[in-house]
Amino acid sequence: MTQQRQIAYDREVSRKSAMKQIKAGIITILLAIILAGILYLPVVAEGNGSGETTITMNTESVMGISLTQTEWQVEGEGAEVTLNTTYKTDLPASWCTITNEGNSNVTMFIKGDDAKWVSDPSKKWTLSSTGDNGKNVYALWYHIKGDTADSYTPVSKDLASMKWVRDGEPLNLAKHDDTQQFGLKLLTPTQFIGGRTMEANITVSAVAA
């Protein structure tokens, strides 16, 4: 084989190898999608030996939630928050409504994040894991409507199930259109640099109960 043919052959092998890698990556993605939807099974007809036909249907389980609020602008006197001060949503227990948009019994989970300066996200307030504030450390809680009066549960950066304070049970939305309301409370740091707009994200999610 001449040198030119060898080079052409090597390029072809390399191209086919690259194509195999690309195809394998696509297959992996498709497999992940297929596995996510594997709860759906077709209708099956079975003879039961009595002259009747039994139809077995495995229904698809669908999870989905919606929130009525997507933003909370915490504002103090003069539209600016102050040091070591507690703020609550305008409706302490019914500020946000969670709705079960699917057909599954779901348990609600929540997690928070550090508050970052919009002009430079490297400058931040750390979210407390204990409910205590400090220098550049803020705290966040939620309160479920109908729970023990003025009872708040800390929100941390770890995903955790939302629970009722009254009995320690998780917050479940059992069926389609079930709803539950909650509110938030925030405690600002004991020290921070003023003149900055800080933003934090809260994630509310549903997991099959």
Protein backbone atom coordinates (compact mmCIF):
# COMPACT_ATOMS: atom_id res chain seq x y z
CA MET A 1 0.00 0.00 0.00
CA THR A 2 1.38 3.39 -1.01
CA GLN A 3 1.87 6.15 1.53
CA GLN A 4 -1.03 8.17 0.07
CA ARG A 5 -3.37 5.18 0.20
CA GLN A 6 -2.25 4.48 3.76
CA ILE A 7 -3.06 8.06 4.78
CA ALA A 8 -6.47 7.86 3.08
CA TYR A 9 -7.14 4.52 4.78
CA ASP A 10 -6.17 5.90 8.19
CA ARG A 11 -8.47 8.88 7.69
CA GLU A 12 -11.38 6.63 6.75
CA VAL A 13 -10.83 4.44 9.82
CA SER A 14 -10.61 7.54 11.99
CA ARG A 15 -13.83 8.93 10.46
CA LYS A 16 -15.73 5.69 11.03
CA SER A 17 -14.44 5.51 14.57
CA ALA A 18 -15.63 9.06 15.22
CA MET A 19 -19.03 8.21 13.73
CA LYS A 20 -19.29 5.18 16.01
CA GLN A 21 -18.56 7.39 19.02
CA ILE A 22 -21.19 9.92 17.94
CA LYS A 23 -23.78 7.21 17.33
CA ALA A 24 -23.02 5.64 20.71
CA GLY A 25 -23.58 9.01 22.38
CA ILE A 26 -26.93 9.43 20.66
CA ILE A 27 -27.98 5.90 21.65
CA THR A 28 -27.10 6.64 25.26
CA ILE A 29 -29.33 9.72 25.19
CA LEU A 30 -32.18 7.81 23.58
CA LEU A 31 -31.87 5.01 26.11
CA ALA A 32 -32.12 7.52 28.92
CA ILE A 33 -35.30 8.94 27.38
CA ILE A 34 -36.78 5.52 26.84
CA LEU A 35 -36.07 4.49 30.42
CA ALA A 36 -37.74 7.66 31.68
CA GLY A 37 -40.95 6.71 29.88
CA ILE A 38 -40.90 2.98 30.52
CA LEU A 39 -43.84 3.19 32.94
CA TYR A 40 -46.22 3.06 29.98
CA LEU A 41 -47.23 -0.44 28.89
CA PRO A 42 -49.72 -1.44 26.15
CA VAL A 43 -53.14 -2.96 26.68
CA VAL A 44 -53.02 -6.76 26.95
CA ALA A 45 -55.96 -9.16 26.43
CA GLU A 46 -55.83 -12.46 28.28
CA GLY A 47 -58.11 -15.52 28.07
CA ASN A 48 -59.04 -16.75 31.57
CA GLY A 49 -60.48 -20.16 30.59
CA SER A 50 -64.10 -19.21 31.34
CA GLY A 51 -65.09 -17.94 27.93
CA GLU A 52 -64.42 -14.36 29.01
CA THR A 53 -61.61 -12.04 28.07
CA THR A 54 -59.81 -10.00 30.71
CA ILE A 55 -58.29 -6.74 29.56
CA THR A 56 -55.34 -5.57 31.61
CA MET A 57 -54.35 -1.92 31.31
CA ASN A 58 -51.24 -0.47 32.88
CA THR A 59 -51.76 3.27 33.10
CA GLU A 60 -49.04 5.79 32.53
CA SER A 61 -47.87 7.67 35.62
CA VAL A 62 -47.38 11.38 34.95
CA MET A 63 -45.76 13.83 37.36
CA GLY A 64 -46.01 17.57 37.09
CA ILE A 65 -46.42 20.61 39.32
CA SER A 66 -46.94 24.33 38.88
CA LEU A 67 -46.28 27.33 41.13
CA THR A 68 -48.27 30.57 41.17
CA GLN A 69 -45.19 32.58 42.17
CA THR A 70 -41.83 32.66 40.42
CA GLU A 71 -40.28 35.68 42.10
CA TRP A 72 -40.17 37.36 45.52
CA GLN A 73 -38.76 40.86 45.67
CA VAL A 74 -37.78 41.37 49.29
CA GLU A 75 -38.12 45.05 50.06
CA GLY A 76 -37.58 46.90 53.28
CA GLU A 77 -37.96 50.57 54.15
CA GLY A 78 -36.87 52.61 51.15
CA ALA A 79 -36.97 49.41 49.01
CA GLU A 80 -33.69 48.23 50.57
CA VAL A 81 -33.20 45.50 53.15
CA THR A 82 -31.26 46.19 56.34
CA LEU A 83 -28.82 44.22 58.48
CA ASN A 84 -30.04 41.36 60.70
CA THR A 85 -33.70 41.87 59.81
CA THR A 86 -36.49 39.36 59.20
CA TYR A 87 -38.75 39.66 56.15
CA LYS A 88 -41.82 37.60 55.28
CA THR A 89 -43.79 37.22 52.07
CA ASP A 90 -46.83 39.52 52.02
CA LEU A 91 -49.07 36.47 52.62
CA PRO A 92 -47.08 34.51 55.24
CA ALA A 93 -48.91 31.21 54.69
CA SER A 94 -50.61 31.51 51.30
CA TRP A 95 -48.15 33.48 49.18
CA CYS A 96 -47.51 30.64 46.71
CA THR A 97 -49.78 27.80 45.59
CA ILE A 98 -48.39 24.46 44.43
CA THR A 99 -50.70 22.49 42.12
CA ASN A 100 -50.37 18.84 41.16
CA GLU A 101 -50.65 18.93 37.36
CA GLY A 102 -50.08 15.19 36.91
CA ASN A 103 -51.96 12.08 37.99
CA SER A 104 -49.50 10.71 40.56
CA ASN A 105 -49.23 10.99 44.32
CA VAL A 106 -46.17 13.18 44.81
CA THR A 107 -44.04 14.35 47.72
CA MET A 108 -42.81 17.92 47.60
CA PHE A 109 -39.12 18.77 47.97
CA ILE A 110 -37.35 22.10 48.35
CA LYS A 111 -33.80 23.45 48.23
CA GLY A 112 -32.23 26.88 48.35
CA ASP A 113 -28.99 28.45 47.17
CA ASP A 114 -26.53 31.18 48.02
CA ALA A 115 -27.65 34.71 47.18
CA LYS A 116 -25.35 36.21 44.55
CA TRP A 117 -24.69 39.79 43.52
CA VAL A 118 -26.20 40.22 40.05
CA SER A 119 -23.23 42.32 38.88
CA ASP A 120 -20.61 39.84 40.13
CA PRO A 121 -21.91 36.36 41.13
CA SER A 122 -18.62 35.58 42.88
CA LYS A 123 -19.77 37.98 45.63
CA LYS A 124 -22.45 36.21 47.63
CA TRP A 125 -24.33 35.62 50.85
CA THR A 126 -24.07 32.00 51.95
CA LEU A 127 -27.35 30.25 52.76
CA SER A 128 -27.29 29.04 56.36
CA SER A 129 -27.81 25.33 56.97
CA THR A 130 -29.01 25.86 60.55
CA GLY A 131 -31.28 28.92 60.39
CA ASP A 132 -28.64 31.12 62.04
CA ASN A 133 -27.32 34.19 60.23
CA GLY A 134 -23.88 35.79 60.36
CA LYS A 135 -21.48 37.91 58.32
CA ASN A 136 -22.58 37.45 54.69
CA VAL A 137 -24.72 34.50 55.84
CA TYR A 138 -28.50 34.64 55.46
CA ALA A 139 -31.27 32.28 56.53
CA LEU A 140 -34.45 31.17 54.76
CA TRP A 141 -37.53 29.26 55.96
CA TYR A 142 -40.92 28.11 54.62
CA HIS A 143 -44.29 27.83 56.34
CA ILE A 144 -47.08 25.55 55.07
CA LYS A 145 -50.64 26.88 55.27
CA GLY A 146 -52.62 25.00 57.92
CA ASP A 147 -49.51 24.01 59.87
CA THR A 148 -48.82 24.96 63.48
CA ALA A 149 -49.18 28.73 63.82
CA ASP A 150 -45.99 30.67 63.00
CA SER A 151 -44.04 27.43 62.51
CA TYR A 152 -41.20 27.71 60.01
CA THR A 153 -38.81 25.09 58.62
CA PRO A 154 -35.29 26.06 57.45
CA VAL A 155 -34.43 25.79 53.75
CA SER A 156 -30.86 24.64 53.02
CA LYS A 157 -28.78 23.94 49.92
CA ASP A 158 -29.54 20.23 50.30
CA LEU A 159 -32.69 18.94 48.63
CA ALA A 160 -35.11 17.94 51.40
CA SER A 161 -38.75 16.96 51.57
CA MET A 162 -41.16 19.66 52.69
CA LYS A 163 -42.66 18.56 56.01
CA TRP A 164 -45.46 19.58 58.35
CA VAL A 165 -44.13 20.81 61.68
CA ARG A 166 -47.25 19.57 63.49
CA ASP A 167 -46.55 15.87 62.91
CA GLY A 168 -43.31 15.64 60.91
CA GLU A 169 -45.08 14.07 57.92
CA PRO A 170 -44.01 14.95 54.35
CA LEU A 171 -46.12 17.26 52.24
CA ASN A 172 -47.92 15.13 49.63
CA LEU A 173 -50.23 16.10 46.79
CA ALA A 174 -52.12 12.87 46.22
CA LYS A 175 -53.96 13.51 42.94
CA HIS A 176 -54.49 15.79 39.96
CA ASP A 177 -55.43 19.37 40.90
CA ASP A 178 -54.54 18.91 44.58
CA THR A 179 -53.07 22.16 45.90
CA GLN A 180 -51.13 23.43 48.89
CA GLN A 181 -49.98 26.93 49.80
CA PHE A 182 -46.86 28.12 51.59
CA GLY A 183 -44.97 31.29 52.43
CA LEU A 184 -41.34 32.26 52.98
CA LYS A 185 -39.33 34.07 55.65
CA LEU A 186 -35.82 35.50 55.21
CA LEU A 187 -33.27 36.79 57.73
CA THR A 188 -30.55 39.06 56.31
CA PRO A 189 -26.87 38.73 57.34
CA THR A 190 -25.49 40.50 60.40
CA GLN A 191 -22.98 42.20 58.10
CA PHE A 192 -22.98 42.83 54.36
CA ILE A 193 -21.89 45.42 51.82
CA GLY A 194 -24.73 47.73 50.84
CA GLY A 195 -25.73 49.02 47.43
CA ARG A 196 -25.94 45.58 45.84
CA THR A 197 -28.84 43.63 44.35
CA MET A 198 -28.66 40.04 45.58
CA GLU A 199 -30.54 37.15 43.95
CA ALA A 200 -31.07 33.58 45.12
CA ASN A 201 -32.87 30.62 43.55
CA ILE A 202 -35.26 28.28 45.32
CA THR A 203 -36.11 24.96 43.73
CA VAL A 204 -39.42 23.22 44.47
CA SER A 205 -39.74 19.74 43.00
CA ALA A 206 -42.02 16.70 43.09
CA VAL A 207 -41.00 13.09 43.63
CA ALA A 208 -43.30 10.08 43.30
CA ALA A 209 -44.61 9.18 46.77
